[in-house]
Every structure is written in structure tokens, then in C-alpha cells.
């Protein structure tokens, strides 16, 4: 089941959440458009799960606004939960049930449950129908949870650290199902992860959250087009890197430095050369490198302020 909405599937506006003196989310705003994979990235404790709970309606906004499929989650949770699939990091499934019992139990809550689709996924995931949930491995639990999230063919998937604690093979298998689900049925996916390499492989859009604040909000194409990593060399040792146009993060010492920049590549290149730097290598940085660069620059800005 796909959603025919032409506007944003998810809208978050100026969302703020505090737990005592700690600000978990600080005026977060973004939109998720139909058929997109939207990745929420950040360190553990950055606010990703708190944000997911607002999308599910588990938390009420203290200030700001949240809409999913045009629904305010806390106002009509039953209508919303019938139309989304959710996989949590803890994958809290009834441990006493067998897999086949778990499927029948969950099916009762969803009129749109596709039994044949669920069975195909069970076989694809190599889940024994007679196995007890308590005997499933971490990877099998994740696959079972994803099966339950997908089998009623929801237009929206919310995945909170879907591959946390899994080996590389299980991670690839789960992400492949998510990507295929989006490609074949136009589903919209919001998923959080601290594993930036997997986000880079599957996300169309990325929101980087650091200490409750939105550090970066861009499409993956824009991130790739506007960020550069260069290795530069100077003619003599320097104790600190001079200011250069577009540079947001540097590492190194002496004559050789690694530089991450954001903005016009040609302008930054000319700025570095004007400082006497020789560019010996130029590449597109990984999402992990981009995240570290932006987080480090925010820390410097805060320290200076």
C-alpha cells in the first residue's frame, strides 16, 4: 500500500523536548517527501530515538509540531499506527510465542495484512515457523521484527537502529529488503542509525543530529556535491592551519594536512593555493567524515562563543 499524498509524508516543525535540565531536541525542523529514504544520524544519545518516539506518538511535543501522513500522532494514534510499520532497536517481541503464532497474533491487528507476502518474507529470511522467539538469534529477531513491520504493506516505515548489534551479513540483508520495499512499492522510510556507512548506502536524504540540534540537513546528492576532502602540503612546517574559504575541519601537523571543506570546490581550492598549499589528493569524503567535520566545527564555534 502506497500513500497518494503529494505533499510531505512527515513534517517536524520547531520540535523541542527537555528531560529535566537536559534538552534532548532543540527546535528540530525537517520534512520527508514521499518515496524517500530519510536517514537520521548521530552519536548514541544525540536525540534520534526521542525524535522517533514523537513520530510514533509515544511522546507529546512540549513545543513545536509533528505530522505523519497528515496526522498529529498523539491526537489519533490508532489511525496512524494502522498505517505505519515500526521496528525498534530492542525488538521487544513476545518470547514465548512461536514464529507462526507471532505472525497470526500480529495479523489480527491489521486488516491490510498480506498473508502470502508475510510467508514469502519468512522464507526469504529463513525463519523457522516453529521456532520459539526466545531461541532466535539477534539477526533473526531483527528479521522477524522487519517482517511484522512490512507485512501489512504500510506506506511509511519507521526504523530505529534497525541493524544495531547485527553482523555485516544480517545488516546487508535487512537494508536490501528496505531498499527493495521502497523501490518496488514507493514506500517512505525514516530510519535512525549511528552506523553512517549504512546510511550512506541507502539514504536519499540525511539529517545529522548532534546534542539535540540539527547540524546538517541535506540530500545525499547535495552532501556529495558540496563537500570535499583534500590532502595538502606546505613548503615548511606550520604549527596551526591558516583560515581558508569553506574549510570546516582540518587534521594534521607540520607540512601535511587533511582538509574537509563545504561549499564551492573551486573557490576553496584557490583559497588553499593562495595560502601556499599544494593539493596532493582530492576526494569526495564519506558521510562519516562529513559528520565528524560538522560536529567538530560546531564545537569550535561554541567554544569561541
Protein backbone atom coordinates (compact mmCIF):
# COMPACT_ATOMS: atom_id res chain seq x y z
CA UNK A 1 0.00 0.00 0.00
CA UNK A 2 1.43 3.35 -1.05
CA UNK A 3 0.30 6.77 0.02
CA UNK A 4 -1.04 9.10 -2.67
CA UNK A 5 -0.12 12.31 -0.85
CA UNK A 6 1.78 14.80 -2.96
CA UNK A 7 2.99 16.85 0.00
CA UNK A 8 5.41 15.81 2.73
CA UNK A 9 4.73 12.47 4.44
CA UNK A 10 6.43 13.65 7.64
CA UNK A 11 6.62 17.23 8.88
CA UNK A 12 8.51 18.25 12.01
CA UNK A 13 8.44 21.95 12.92
CA UNK A 14 10.47 23.58 15.70
CA UNK A 15 10.25 20.42 17.83
CA UNK A 16 11.75 20.82 21.29
CA UNK A 17 11.90 18.24 24.09
CA UNK A 18 13.50 18.52 27.51
CA UNK A 19 14.00 15.96 30.24
CA UNK A 20 14.67 17.97 33.35
CA UNK A 21 17.64 20.21 32.61
CA UNK A 22 18.69 18.20 29.55
CA UNK A 23 17.49 19.38 26.15
CA UNK A 24 17.03 16.23 24.06
CA UNK A 25 15.72 18.02 20.97
CA UNK A 26 16.30 21.70 20.29
CA UNK A 27 13.98 23.27 17.67
CA UNK A 28 14.27 20.45 15.14
CA UNK A 29 12.59 21.05 11.76
CA UNK A 30 12.53 18.91 8.61
CA UNK A 31 10.23 17.31 6.03
CA UNK A 32 10.24 13.84 4.48
CA UNK A 33 8.81 13.59 0.98
CA UNK A 34 7.00 10.55 -0.49
CA UNK A 35 9.09 7.59 -1.61
CA UNK A 36 12.30 8.83 0.03
CA UNK A 37 14.63 7.09 2.46
CA UNK A 38 15.38 9.62 5.19
CA UNK A 39 18.33 8.85 7.45
CA UNK A 40 18.67 10.26 10.97
CA UNK A 41 22.29 10.04 12.04
CA UNK A 42 24.14 10.94 15.20
CA UNK A 43 26.02 9.51 18.14
CA UNK A 44 24.19 7.44 20.74
CA UNK A 45 22.26 9.86 22.93
CA UNK A 46 22.06 12.55 20.24
CA UNK A 47 18.23 12.55 20.28
CA UNK A 48 17.37 10.15 17.44
CA UNK A 49 15.20 7.77 19.49
CA UNK A 50 13.45 10.69 21.20
CA UNK A 51 12.58 12.04 17.77
CA UNK A 52 11.28 8.63 16.67
CA UNK A 53 9.04 8.47 19.75
CA UNK A 54 7.48 11.78 18.74
CA UNK A 55 6.77 10.41 15.24
CA UNK A 56 5.08 7.38 16.82
CA UNK A 57 3.08 9.44 19.28
CA UNK A 58 4.81 7.96 22.32
CA UNK A 59 5.88 11.47 23.33
CA UNK A 60 3.84 14.67 23.09
CA UNK A 61 5.69 17.74 21.79
CA UNK A 62 6.48 20.20 24.57
CA UNK A 63 6.74 22.81 21.85
CA UNK A 64 6.67 22.56 18.09
CA UNK A 65 4.60 20.35 15.84
CA UNK A 66 4.73 16.84 14.34
CA UNK A 67 2.64 15.44 11.48
CA UNK A 68 2.87 11.96 9.92
CA UNK A 69 0.59 11.29 6.93
CA UNK A 70 -1.22 14.47 7.88
CA UNK A 71 -2.00 13.07 11.35
CA UNK A 72 -0.86 14.51 14.65
CA UNK A 73 0.46 11.29 16.27
CA UNK A 74 -0.81 11.90 19.81
CA UNK A 75 -4.26 13.02 18.63
CA UNK A 76 -5.18 9.94 16.57
CA UNK A 77 -2.67 7.19 17.40
CA UNK A 78 -4.89 4.31 16.24
CA UNK A 79 -5.31 5.78 12.75
CA UNK A 80 -1.59 6.44 12.48
CA UNK A 81 -0.30 3.13 13.84
CA UNK A 82 -2.52 1.25 11.36
CA UNK A 83 -0.64 2.93 8.52
CA UNK A 84 2.98 2.73 9.63
CA UNK A 85 5.45 -0.07 10.15
CA UNK A 86 7.81 0.23 13.09
CA UNK A 87 10.95 -1.65 14.08
CA UNK A 88 12.56 -0.70 17.38
CA UNK A 89 16.16 -1.21 18.40
CA UNK A 90 15.20 -3.53 21.28
CA UNK A 91 12.90 -5.68 19.08
CA UNK A 92 10.70 -6.50 22.05
CA UNK A 93 8.69 -9.49 20.76
CA UNK A 94 6.69 -12.00 22.85
CA UNK A 95 9.40 -14.53 23.67
CA UNK A 96 7.05 -17.41 24.50
CA UNK A 97 5.43 -17.48 21.04
CA UNK A 98 6.50 -19.49 18.05
CA UNK A 99 7.18 -17.54 14.85
CA UNK A 100 3.96 -18.74 13.22
CA UNK A 101 1.97 -17.73 16.31
CA UNK A 102 3.62 -14.33 16.30
CA UNK A 103 2.52 -13.79 12.70
CA UNK A 104 -1.08 -14.82 13.41
CA UNK A 105 -1.18 -12.65 16.54
CA UNK A 106 0.10 -9.56 14.71
CA UNK A 107 -2.12 -10.16 11.69
CA UNK A 108 -5.21 -9.71 13.87
CA UNK A 109 -4.35 -6.02 14.37
CA UNK A 110 -4.04 -5.15 10.66
CA UNK A 111 -6.93 -5.53 8.18
CA UNK A 112 -4.47 -4.98 5.31
CA UNK A 113 -2.14 -7.80 6.38
CA UNK A 114 -0.85 -9.67 3.30
CA UNK A 115 -0.51 -13.28 4.40
CA UNK A 116 1.20 -14.53 1.24
CA UNK A 117 3.68 -11.62 1.35
CA UNK A 118 4.45 -12.37 5.01
CA UNK A 119 5.08 -16.02 4.19
CA UNK A 120 7.41 -15.13 1.31
CA UNK A 121 9.42 -12.90 3.62
CA UNK A 122 9.52 -15.57 6.32
CA UNK A 123 11.02 -17.99 3.82
CA UNK A 124 13.39 -15.37 2.42
CA UNK A 125 14.62 -14.60 5.94
CA UNK A 126 14.94 -18.33 6.68
CA UNK A 127 12.82 -18.04 9.82
CA UNK A 128 11.62 -21.40 11.12
CA UNK A 129 7.83 -21.13 11.61
CA UNK A 130 8.01 -23.47 14.59
CA UNK A 131 10.94 -21.76 16.30
CA UNK A 132 10.29 -20.05 19.64
CA UNK A 133 11.01 -16.33 19.62
CA UNK A 134 13.24 -16.73 22.68
CA UNK A 135 15.51 -19.05 20.67
CA UNK A 136 16.01 -16.66 17.75
CA UNK A 137 19.40 -15.02 17.22
CA UNK A 138 19.75 -11.22 17.20
CA UNK A 139 19.72 -11.25 13.42
CA UNK A 140 16.64 -13.46 13.29
CA UNK A 141 14.84 -11.21 15.80
CA UNK A 142 15.58 -8.19 13.62
CA UNK A 143 14.29 -10.01 10.55
CA UNK A 144 11.15 -11.08 12.38
CA UNK A 145 10.56 -7.52 13.52
CA UNK A 146 11.02 -6.19 9.98
CA UNK A 147 8.63 -8.82 8.65
CA UNK A 148 5.96 -7.67 11.13
CA UNK A 149 6.56 -4.05 10.16
CA UNK A 150 6.19 -4.74 6.43
CA UNK A 151 3.53 -7.43 6.13
CA UNK A 152 0.54 -5.05 6.27
CA UNK A 153 2.21 -3.04 3.47
CA UNK A 154 2.26 0.32 5.26
CA UNK A 155 3.06 3.48 3.30
CA UNK A 156 5.56 4.56 5.97
CA UNK A 157 8.33 2.66 7.75
CA UNK A 158 9.93 3.96 10.95
CA UNK A 159 13.11 2.03 11.75
CA UNK A 160 15.01 2.86 14.93
CA UNK A 161 18.57 1.48 14.69
CA UNK A 162 17.30 -1.49 12.61
CA UNK A 163 20.69 -3.19 12.35
CA UNK A 164 22.10 -2.40 15.79
CA UNK A 165 24.19 -5.26 17.14
CA UNK A 166 23.97 -7.33 13.96
CA UNK A 167 26.78 -8.79 11.90
CA UNK A 168 27.59 -7.40 8.46
CA UNK A 169 25.69 -10.12 6.58
CA UNK A 170 22.46 -9.59 8.55
CA UNK A 171 22.77 -5.79 8.15
CA UNK A 172 23.10 -6.05 4.39
CA UNK A 173 20.14 -8.41 4.14
CA UNK A 174 17.86 -6.15 6.17
CA UNK A 175 18.87 -2.99 4.33
CA UNK A 176 18.38 -4.73 0.98
CA UNK A 177 14.78 -5.55 1.92
CA UNK A 178 14.16 -1.95 2.99
CA UNK A 179 15.58 -0.53 -0.25
CA UNK A 180 13.66 -3.01 -2.40
CA UNK A 181 10.48 -2.22 -0.49
CA UNK A 182 10.90 1.47 -1.29
CA UNK A 183 11.85 0.91 -4.93
CA UNK A 184 9.04 -1.53 -5.73
CA UNK A 185 6.18 0.00 -3.75
CA UNK A 186 7.07 3.65 -3.28
CA UNK A 187 7.21 3.36 0.49
CA UNK A 188 8.64 6.21 2.58
CA UNK A 189 11.25 5.26 5.17
CA UNK A 190 12.60 7.15 8.16
CA UNK A 191 15.42 5.30 9.86
CA UNK A 192 17.91 6.21 12.52
CA UNK A 193 21.40 4.83 12.83
CA UNK A 194 24.79 5.64 14.30
CA UNK A 195 26.34 3.48 11.54
CA UNK A 196 26.94 6.14 8.94
CA UNK A 197 28.27 3.78 6.29
CA UNK A 198 24.90 2.02 6.03
CA UNK A 199 23.04 5.34 5.92
CA UNK A 200 25.30 6.43 3.08
CA UNK A 201 24.41 3.31 1.08
CA UNK A 202 20.63 3.65 1.25
CA UNK A 203 19.53 7.17 2.25
CA UNK A 204 18.21 9.77 -0.17
CA UNK A 205 18.21 12.50 2.48
CA UNK A 206 20.15 12.87 5.71
CA UNK A 207 19.59 14.78 8.94
CA UNK A 208 22.64 14.89 11.22
CA UNK A 209 21.74 15.44 14.87
CA UNK A 210 24.31 16.45 17.46
CA UNK A 211 23.40 17.02 21.09
CA UNK A 212 19.76 17.56 20.18
CA UNK A 213 20.45 20.11 17.43
CA UNK A 214 20.21 19.70 13.68
CA UNK A 215 23.79 20.02 12.42
CA UNK A 216 23.15 19.17 8.74
CA UNK A 217 20.02 18.62 6.64
CA UNK A 218 20.73 17.74 3.00
CA UNK A 219 20.11 15.17 0.32
CA UNK A 220 22.91 12.66 -0.14
CA UNK A 221 23.47 14.08 -3.63
CA UNK A 222 23.92 17.55 -2.17
CA UNK A 223 26.30 16.28 0.51
CA UNK A 224 28.43 14.61 -2.15
CA UNK A 225 28.33 17.68 -4.41
CA UNK A 226 29.22 20.28 -1.78
CA UNK A 227 31.83 18.55 0.40
CA UNK A 228 35.44 17.83 -0.48
CA UNK A 229 38.37 16.23 1.31
CA UNK A 230 41.88 17.27 0.33
CA UNK A 231 45.37 16.37 1.45
CA UNK A 232 47.57 19.43 1.20
CA UNK A 233 51.28 20.07 1.74
CA UNK A 234 53.13 23.24 2.63
CA UNK A 235 56.74 24.10 1.83
CA UNK A 236 57.62 24.24 5.51
CA UNK A 237 56.19 23.08 8.84
CA UNK A 238 53.28 25.11 10.21
CA UNK A 239 52.04 24.95 13.79
CA UNK A 240 48.39 25.68 13.01
CA UNK A 241 46.32 25.67 9.85
CA UNK A 242 45.50 29.14 8.46
CA UNK A 243 41.91 30.16 7.74
CA UNK A 244 40.74 29.16 4.26
CA UNK A 245 37.47 29.68 2.45
CA UNK A 246 35.00 26.83 3.01
CA UNK A 247 37.25 24.76 5.29
CA UNK A 248 35.30 23.29 8.21
CA UNK A 249 37.75 20.73 9.62
CA UNK A 250 41.49 20.05 9.49
CA UNK A 251 43.75 17.31 10.83
CA UNK A 252 47.49 17.08 10.61
CA UNK A 253 50.75 18.66 11.65
CA UNK A 254 53.91 20.01 10.16
CA UNK A 255 53.77 20.15 6.38
CA UNK A 256 50.92 17.75 5.58
CA UNK A 257 47.25 18.29 6.50
CA UNK A 258 43.90 16.68 5.66
CA UNK A 259 41.22 19.29 5.00
CA UNK A 260 37.43 18.92 4.76
CA UNK A 261 35.53 21.76 3.11
CA UNK A 262 31.92 22.65 2.42
CA UNK A 263 30.84 24.86 -0.45
CA UNK A 264 32.24 25.80 -3.83
CA UNK A 265 35.13 23.44 -4.59
CA UNK A 266 36.90 25.80 -6.98
CA UNK A 267 36.79 28.71 -4.54
CA UNK A 268 38.21 26.59 -1.72
CA UNK A 269 40.93 25.21 -3.98
CA UNK A 270 42.02 28.71 -4.97
CA UNK A 271 41.96 29.85 -1.34
CA UNK A 272 44.22 26.96 -0.28
CA UNK A 273 46.64 27.58 -3.15
CA UNK A 274 46.78 31.27 -2.27
CA UNK A 275 48.00 30.22 1.19
CA UNK A 276 50.86 28.30 -0.40
CA UNK A 277 49.30 24.85 0.00
CA UNK A 278 49.94 22.21 -2.65
CA UNK A 279 46.95 19.91 -3.16
CA UNK A 280 48.23 16.33 -3.46
CA UNK A 281 44.91 14.48 -3.18
CA UNK A 282 41.25 15.44 -3.63
CA UNK A 283 38.31 13.11 -2.97
CA UNK A 284 34.62 13.08 -2.02
CA UNK A 285 34.52 12.42 1.73
CA UNK A 286 32.49 9.65 3.34
CA UNK A 287 29.35 10.56 5.28
CA UNK A 288 31.23 9.68 8.46
CA UNK A 289 33.96 12.20 7.59
CA UNK A 290 31.35 14.88 6.79
CA UNK A 291 29.57 14.26 10.10
CA UNK A 292 32.78 14.47 12.14
CA UNK A 293 33.75 17.69 10.32
CA UNK A 294 30.45 19.43 11.02
CA UNK A 295 30.30 18.27 14.65
CA UNK A 296 33.88 19.43 15.23
CA UNK A 297 33.16 22.83 13.66
CA UNK A 298 30.09 23.28 15.89
CA UNK A 299 32.20 22.50 18.97
CA UNK A 300 34.77 25.11 17.92
CA UNK A 301 32.06 27.71 17.27
CA UNK A 302 30.54 27.04 20.70
CA UNK A 303 33.93 27.27 22.42
CA UNK A 304 34.68 30.58 20.71
CA UNK A 305 31.24 31.94 21.63
